[in-house]
PDB file of N, CA and C in Angstrom:
ATOM      1  N   MET A   1      27.774 -61.289  21.753  1.00  0.00           N
ATOM      2  CA  MET A   1      28.497 -60.084  21.373  1.00  0.00           C
ATOM      3  C   MET A   1      27.804 -59.425  20.189  1.00  0.00           C
ATOM      4  N   ASN A   2      27.752 -58.121  20.206  1.00  0.00           N
ATOM      5  CA  ASN A   2      27.167 -57.377  19.111  1.00  0.00           C
ATOM      6  C   ASN A   2      28.204 -57.251  17.992  1.00  0.00           C
ATOM      7  N   ASP A   3      27.882 -57.745  16.785  1.00  0.00           N
ATOM      8  CA  ASP A   3      28.825 -57.712  15.674  1.00  0.00           C
ATOM      9  C   ASP A   3      28.799 -56.403  14.906  1.00  0.00           C
ATOM     10  N   LYS A   4      27.879 -55.503  15.243  1.00  0.00           N
ATOM     11  CA  LYS A   4      27.767 -54.240  14.525  1.00  0.00           C
ATOM     12  C   LYS A   4      28.795 -53.242  15.067  1.00  0.00           C
ATOM     13  N   LEU A   5      29.459 -52.533  14.150  1.00  0.00           N
ATOM     14  CA  LEU A   5      30.408 -51.500  14.547  1.00  0.00           C
ATOM     15  C   LEU A   5      29.684 -50.171  14.745  1.00  0.00           C
ATOM     16  N   LYS A   6      30.084 -49.434  15.759  1.00  0.00           N
ATOM     17  CA  LYS A   6      29.546 -48.097  15.964  1.00  0.00           C
ATOM     18  C   LYS A   6      30.019 -47.206  14.829  1.00  0.00           C
ATOM     19  N   PRO A   7      29.279 -46.136  14.540  1.00  0.00           N
ATOM     20  CA  PRO A   7      29.721 -45.198  13.504  1.00  0.00           C
ATOM     21  C   PRO A   7      30.965 -44.431  13.959  1.00  0.00           C
ATOM     22  N   CYS A   8      31.588 -43.783  13.017  1.00  0.00           N
ATOM     23  CA  CYS A   8      32.769 -42.952  13.285  1.00  0.00           C
ATOM     24  C   CYS A   8      32.409 -41.882  14.318  1.00  0.00           C
ATOM     25  N   PRO A   9      33.267 -41.666  15.317  1.00  0.00           N
ATOM     26  CA  PRO A   9      32.955 -40.649  16.322  1.00  0.00           C
ATOM     27  C   PRO A   9      33.059 -39.218  15.794  1.00  0.00           C
ATOM     28  N   PHE A  10      33.662 -39.039  14.629  1.00  0.00           N
ATOM     29  CA  PHE A  10      33.850 -37.693  14.090  1.00  0.00           C
ATOM     30  C   PHE A  10      32.824 -37.344  13.021  1.00  0.00           C
ATOM     31  N   CYS A  11      32.724 -38.187  11.978  1.00  0.00           N
ATOM     32  CA  CYS A  11      31.825 -37.834  10.869  1.00  0.00           C
ATOM     33  C   CYS A  11      30.528 -38.649  10.870  1.00  0.00           C
ATOM     34  N   LYS A  12      30.426 -39.615  11.769  1.00  0.00           N
ATOM     35  CA  LYS A  12      29.230 -40.463  11.933  1.00  0.00           C
ATOM     36  C   LYS A  12      28.988 -41.425  10.766  1.00  0.00           C
ATOM     37  N   SER A  13      29.962 -41.589   9.867  1.00  0.00           N
ATOM     38  CA  SER A  13      29.848 -42.579   8.789  1.00  0.00           C
ATOM     39  C   SER A  13      30.087 -43.976   9.348  1.00  0.00           C
ATOM     40  N   GLY A  14      29.806 -44.975   8.552  1.00  0.00           N
ATOM     41  CA  GLY A  14      30.015 -46.350   8.972  1.00  0.00           C
ATOM     42  C   GLY A  14      31.490 -46.694   9.088  1.00  0.00           C
ATOM     43  N   ALA A  15      31.782 -47.688   9.901  1.00  0.00           N
ATOM     44  CA  ALA A  15      33.147 -48.172  10.084  1.00  0.00           C
ATOM     45  C   ALA A  15      33.311 -49.503   9.355  1.00  0.00           C
ATOM     46  N   VAL A  16      34.535 -49.808   8.991  1.00  0.00           N
ATOM     47  CA  VAL A  16      34.839 -51.065   8.314  1.00  0.00           C
ATOM     48  C   VAL A  16      36.084 -51.693   8.937  1.00  0.00           C
ATOM     49  N   ILE A  17      36.199 -52.984   8.785  1.00  0.00           N
ATOM     50  CA  ILE A  17      37.403 -53.705   9.203  1.00  0.00           C
ATOM     51  C   ILE A  17      38.138 -54.114   7.940  1.00  0.00           C
ATOM     52  N   VAL A  18      39.423 -53.778   7.876  1.00  0.00           N
ATOM     53  CA  VAL A  18      40.245 -54.111   6.711  1.00  0.00           C
ATOM     54  C   VAL A  18      41.494 -54.846   7.179  1.00  0.00           C
ATOM     55  N   LYS A  19      42.064 -55.649   6.284  1.00  0.00           N
ATOM     56  CA  LYS A  19      43.325 -56.319   6.611  1.00  0.00           C
ATOM     57  C   LYS A  19      44.446 -55.296   6.646  1.00  0.00           C
ATOM     58  N   SER A  20      45.316 -55.438   7.599  1.00  0.00           N
ATOM     59  CA  SER A  20      46.457 -54.546   7.730  1.00  0.00           C
ATOM     60  C   SER A  20      47.388 -54.721   6.534  1.00  0.00           C
ATOM     61  N   PRO A  21      47.896 -53.622   5.968  1.00  0.00           N
ATOM     62  CA  PRO A  21      48.830 -53.746   4.851  1.00  0.00           C
ATOM     63  C   PRO A  21      50.202 -54.249   5.288  1.00  0.00           C
ATOM     64  N   ASN A  22      50.477 -54.230   6.570  1.00  0.00           N
ATOM     65  CA  ASN A  22      51.799 -54.606   7.071  1.00  0.00           C
ATOM     66  C   ASN A  22      51.987 -56.099   7.260  1.00  0.00           C
ATOM     67  N   GLU A  23      50.949 -56.797   7.655  1.00  0.00           N
ATOM     68  CA  GLU A  23      51.070 -58.219   7.969  1.00  0.00           C
ATOM     69  C   GLU A  23      49.802 -58.959   7.546  1.00  0.00           C
ATOM     70  N   ASN A  24      49.945 -60.247   7.325  1.00  0.00           N
ATOM     71  CA  ASN A  24      48.778 -61.084   7.031  1.00  0.00           C
ATOM     72  C   ASN A  24      48.015 -61.381   8.308  1.00  0.00           C
ATOM     73  N   GLU A  25      46.712 -61.534   8.157  1.00  0.00           N
ATOM     74  CA  GLU A  25      45.819 -61.902   9.261  1.00  0.00           C
ATOM     75  C   GLU A  25      45.868 -60.923  10.423  1.00  0.00           C
ATOM     76  N   ARG A  26      46.065 -59.657  10.149  1.00  0.00           N
ATOM     77  CA  ARG A  26      45.947 -58.596  11.146  1.00  0.00           C
ATOM     78  C   ARG A  26      44.899 -57.631  10.615  1.00  0.00           C
ATOM     79  N   TYR A  27      44.153 -57.002  11.496  1.00  0.00           N
ATOM     80  CA  TYR A  27      43.002 -56.205  11.087  1.00  0.00           C
ATOM     81  C   TYR A  27      43.037 -54.809  11.700  1.00  0.00           C
ATOM     82  N   ILE A  28      42.519 -53.847  10.951  1.00  0.00           N
ATOM     83  CA  ILE A  28      42.409 -52.458  11.372  1.00  0.00           C
ATOM     84  C   ILE A  28      40.946 -52.045  11.240  1.00  0.00           C
ATOM     85  N   VAL A  29      40.447 -51.292  12.205  1.00  0.00           N
ATOM     86  CA  VAL A  29      39.101 -50.726  12.096  1.00  0.00           C
ATOM     87  C   VAL A  29      39.276 -49.260  11.715  1.00  0.00           C
ATOM     88  N   ARG A  30      38.528 -48.842  10.687  1.00  0.00           N
ATOM     89  CA  ARG A  30      38.628 -47.454  10.239  1.00  0.00           C
ATOM     90  C   ARG A  30      37.278 -46.977   9.741  1.00  0.00           C
ATOM     91  N   CYS A  31      37.171 -45.669   9.646  1.00  0.00           N
ATOM     92  CA  CYS A  31      35.974 -45.050   9.088  1.00  0.00           C
ATOM     93  C   CYS A  31      35.954 -45.294   7.583  1.00  0.00           C
ATOM     94  N   SER A  32      34.771 -45.449   7.028  1.00  0.00           N
ATOM     95  CA  SER A  32      34.655 -45.675   5.593  1.00  0.00           C
ATOM     96  C   SER A  32      34.745 -44.378   4.790  1.00  0.00           C
ATOM     97  N   GLN A  33      34.697 -43.213   5.462  1.00  0.00           N
ATOM     98  CA  GLN A  33      34.688 -41.938   4.743  1.00  0.00           C
ATOM     99  C   GLN A  33      35.830 -40.989   5.106  1.00  0.00           C
ATOM    100  N   CYS A  34      36.182 -40.891   6.376  1.00  0.00           N
ATOM    101  CA  CYS A  34      37.220 -39.944   6.787  1.00  0.00           C
ATOM    102  C   CYS A  34      38.471 -40.704   7.243  1.00  0.00           C
ATOM    103  N   PRO A  35      39.547 -40.022   7.590  1.00  0.00           N
ATOM    104  CA  PRO A  35      40.794 -40.701   7.961  1.00  0.00           C
ATOM    105  C   PRO A  35      40.808 -41.330   9.351  1.00  0.00           C
ATOM    106  N   CYS A  36      39.736 -41.260  10.099  1.00  0.00           N
ATOM    107  CA  CYS A  36      39.713 -41.820  11.449  1.00  0.00           C
ATOM    108  C   CYS A  36      39.947 -43.334  11.406  1.00  0.00           C
ATOM    109  N   ALA A  37      40.866 -43.806  12.254  1.00  0.00           N
ATOM    110  CA  ALA A  37      41.152 -45.240  12.344  1.00  0.00           C
ATOM    111  C   ALA A  37      41.808 -45.529  13.686  1.00  0.00           C
ATOM    112  N   LEU A  38      41.727 -46.789  14.104  1.00  0.00           N
ATOM    113  CA  LEU A  38      42.493 -47.201  15.273  1.00  0.00           C
ATOM    114  C   LEU A  38      43.952 -47.269  14.859  1.00  0.00           C
ATOM    115  N   VAL A  39      44.829 -46.810  15.697  1.00  0.00           N
ATOM    116  CA  VAL A  39      46.248 -46.754  15.367  1.00  0.00           C
ATOM    117  C   VAL A  39      46.896 -48.126  15.465  1.00  0.00           C
ATOM    118  N   ILE A  40      46.308 -49.025  16.201  1.00  0.00           N
ATOM    119  CA  ILE A  40      46.872 -50.366  16.347  1.00  0.00           C
ATOM    120  C   ILE A  40      46.115 -51.356  15.476  1.00  0.00           C
ATOM    121  N   ASP A  41      46.784 -52.459  15.160  1.00  0.00           N
ATOM    122  CA  ASP A  41      46.082 -53.512  14.424  1.00  0.00           C
ATOM    123  C   ASP A  41      45.944 -54.731  15.331  1.00  0.00           C
ATOM    124  N   PHE A  42      45.006 -55.585  14.983  1.00  0.00           N
ATOM    125  CA  PHE A  42      44.629 -56.712  15.834  1.00  0.00           C
ATOM    126  C   PHE A  42      44.718 -58.013  15.053  1.00  0.00           C
ATOM    127  N   ASP A  43      45.031 -59.099  15.755  1.00  0.00           N
ATOM    128  CA  ASP A  43      45.011 -60.401  15.105  1.00  0.00           C
ATOM    129  C   ASP A  43      43.662 -61.088  15.280  1.00  0.00           C
ATOM    130  N   ASP A  44      42.770 -60.462  16.012  1.00  0.00           N
ATOM    131  CA  ASP A  44      41.450 -61.019  16.285  1.00  0.00           C
ATOM    132  C   ASP A  44      40.379 -59.987  15.910  1.00  0.00           C
ATOM    133  N   ILE A  45      39.509 -60.347  14.995  1.00  0.00           N
ATOM    134  CA  ILE A  45      38.463 -59.421  14.546  1.00  0.00           C
ATOM    135  C   ILE A  45      37.534 -59.035  15.701  1.00  0.00           C
ATOM    136  N   ALA A  46      37.194 -59.983  16.555  1.00  0.00           N
ATOM    137  CA  ALA A  46      36.294 -59.685  17.675  1.00  0.00           C
ATOM    138  C   ALA A  46      36.906 -58.644  18.607  1.00  0.00           C
ATOM    139  N   LEU A  47      38.198 -58.731  18.856  1.00  0.00           N
ATOM    140  CA  LEU A  47      38.866 -57.746  19.712  1.00  0.00           C
ATOM    141  C   LEU A  47      38.892 -56.379  19.033  1.00  0.00           C
ATOM    142  N   ALA A  48      39.144 -56.351  17.741  1.00  0.00           N
ATOM    143  CA  ALA A  48      39.136 -55.083  16.995  1.00  0.00           C
ATOM    144  C   ALA A  48      37.776 -54.401  17.113  1.00  0.00           C
ATOM    145  N   LYS A  49      36.704 -55.165  16.944  1.00  0.00           N
ATOM    146  CA  LYS A  49      35.347 -54.613  17.073  1.00  0.00           C
ATOM    147  C   LYS A  49      35.095 -54.098  18.486  1.00  0.00           C
ATOM    148  N   ALA A  50      35.507 -54.874  19.477  1.00  0.00           N
ATOM    149  CA  ALA A  50      35.265 -54.491  20.866  1.00  0.00           C
ATOM    150  C   ALA A  50      35.979 -53.191  21.218  1.00  0.00           C
ATOM    151  N   VAL A  51      37.213 -53.033  20.763  1.00  0.00           N
ATOM    152  CA  VAL A  51      37.963 -51.813  21.066  1.00  0.00           C
ATOM    153  C   VAL A  51      37.339 -50.609  20.355  1.00  0.00           C
ATOM    154  N   TRP A  52      36.984 -50.754  19.091  1.00  0.00           N
ATOM    155  CA  TRP A  52      36.344 -49.645  18.353  1.00  0.00           C
ATOM    156  C   TRP A  52      35.037 -49.235  19.030  1.00  0.00           C
ATOM    157  N   ASN A  53      34.237 -50.209  19.442  1.00  0.00           N
ATOM    158  CA  ASN A  53      32.927 -49.933  20.012  1.00  0.00           C
ATOM    159  C   ASN A  53      32.970 -49.457  21.458  1.00  0.00           C
ATOM    160  N   ASN A  54      34.060 -49.667  22.158  1.00  0.00           N
ATOM    161  CA  ASN A  54      34.141 -49.319  23.566  1.00  0.00           C
ATOM    162  C   ASN A  54      34.830 -47.966  23.740  1.00  0.00           C
ATOM    163  N   ARG A  55      34.169 -46.914  23.296  1.00  0.00           N
ATOM    164  CA  ARG A  55      34.709 -45.560  23.430  1.00  0.00           C
ATOM    165  C   ARG A  55      34.080 -44.897  24.641  1.00  0.00           C
ATOM    166  N   ARG A  56      34.857 -44.101  25.290  1.00  0.00           N
ATOM    167  CA  ARG A  56      34.330 -43.331  26.412  1.00  0.00           C
ATOM    168  C   ARG A  56      33.873 -41.978  25.920  1.00  0.00           C
ATOM    169  N   ARG A  57      32.772 -41.538  26.440  1.00  0.00           N
ATOM    170  CA  ARG A  57      32.292 -40.184  26.135  1.00  0.00           C
ATOM    171  C   ARG A  57      32.950 -39.220  27.104  1.00  0.00           C
ATOM    172  N   ARG A  58      33.436 -38.133  26.582  1.00  0.00           N
ATOM    173  CA  ARG A  58      34.017 -37.103  27.432  1.00  0.00           C
ATOM    174  C   ARG A  58      32.915 -36.204  27.955  1.00  0.00           C
ATOM    175  N   LYS A  59      33.001 -35.888  29.236  1.00  0.00           N
ATOM    176  CA  LYS A  59      32.020 -34.987  29.827  1.00  0.00           C
ATOM    177  C   LYS A  59      32.374 -33.562  29.468  1.00  0.00           C
ATOM    178  N   ASN A  60      31.357 -32.781  29.188  1.00  0.00           N
ATOM    179  CA  ASN A  60      31.553 -31.381  28.851  1.00  0.00           C
ATOM    180  C   ASN A  60      31.658 -30.594  30.157  1.00  0.00           C
ATOM    181  N   HIS A  61      32.803 -29.944  30.358  1.00  0.00           N
ATOM    182  CA  HIS A  61      33.036 -29.197  31.600  1.00  0.00           C
ATOM    183  C   HIS A  61      32.915 -27.701  31.374  1.00  0.00           C
ATOM    184  N   ASP A  62      31.797 -27.258  30.822  1.00  0.00           N
ATOM    185  CA  ASP A  62      31.600 -25.823  30.570  1.00  0.00           C
ATOM    186  C   ASP A  62      31.290 -25.074  31.832  1.00  0.00           C
TER     187      ASP A  62
END
């Protein structure tokens, strides 16, 4: 598994994993610069990374 997080999809800054303020041993992935973050928290860091990194690209329908 690749342990590197993809950059923020909006501002392209690096992403970080932080402990959730709501519960112990839960994690949130968020951008280090802008307010972008996953809305859910995870009890497994590997799952948090996988969800952040597995984004779908939208096709441009011009």
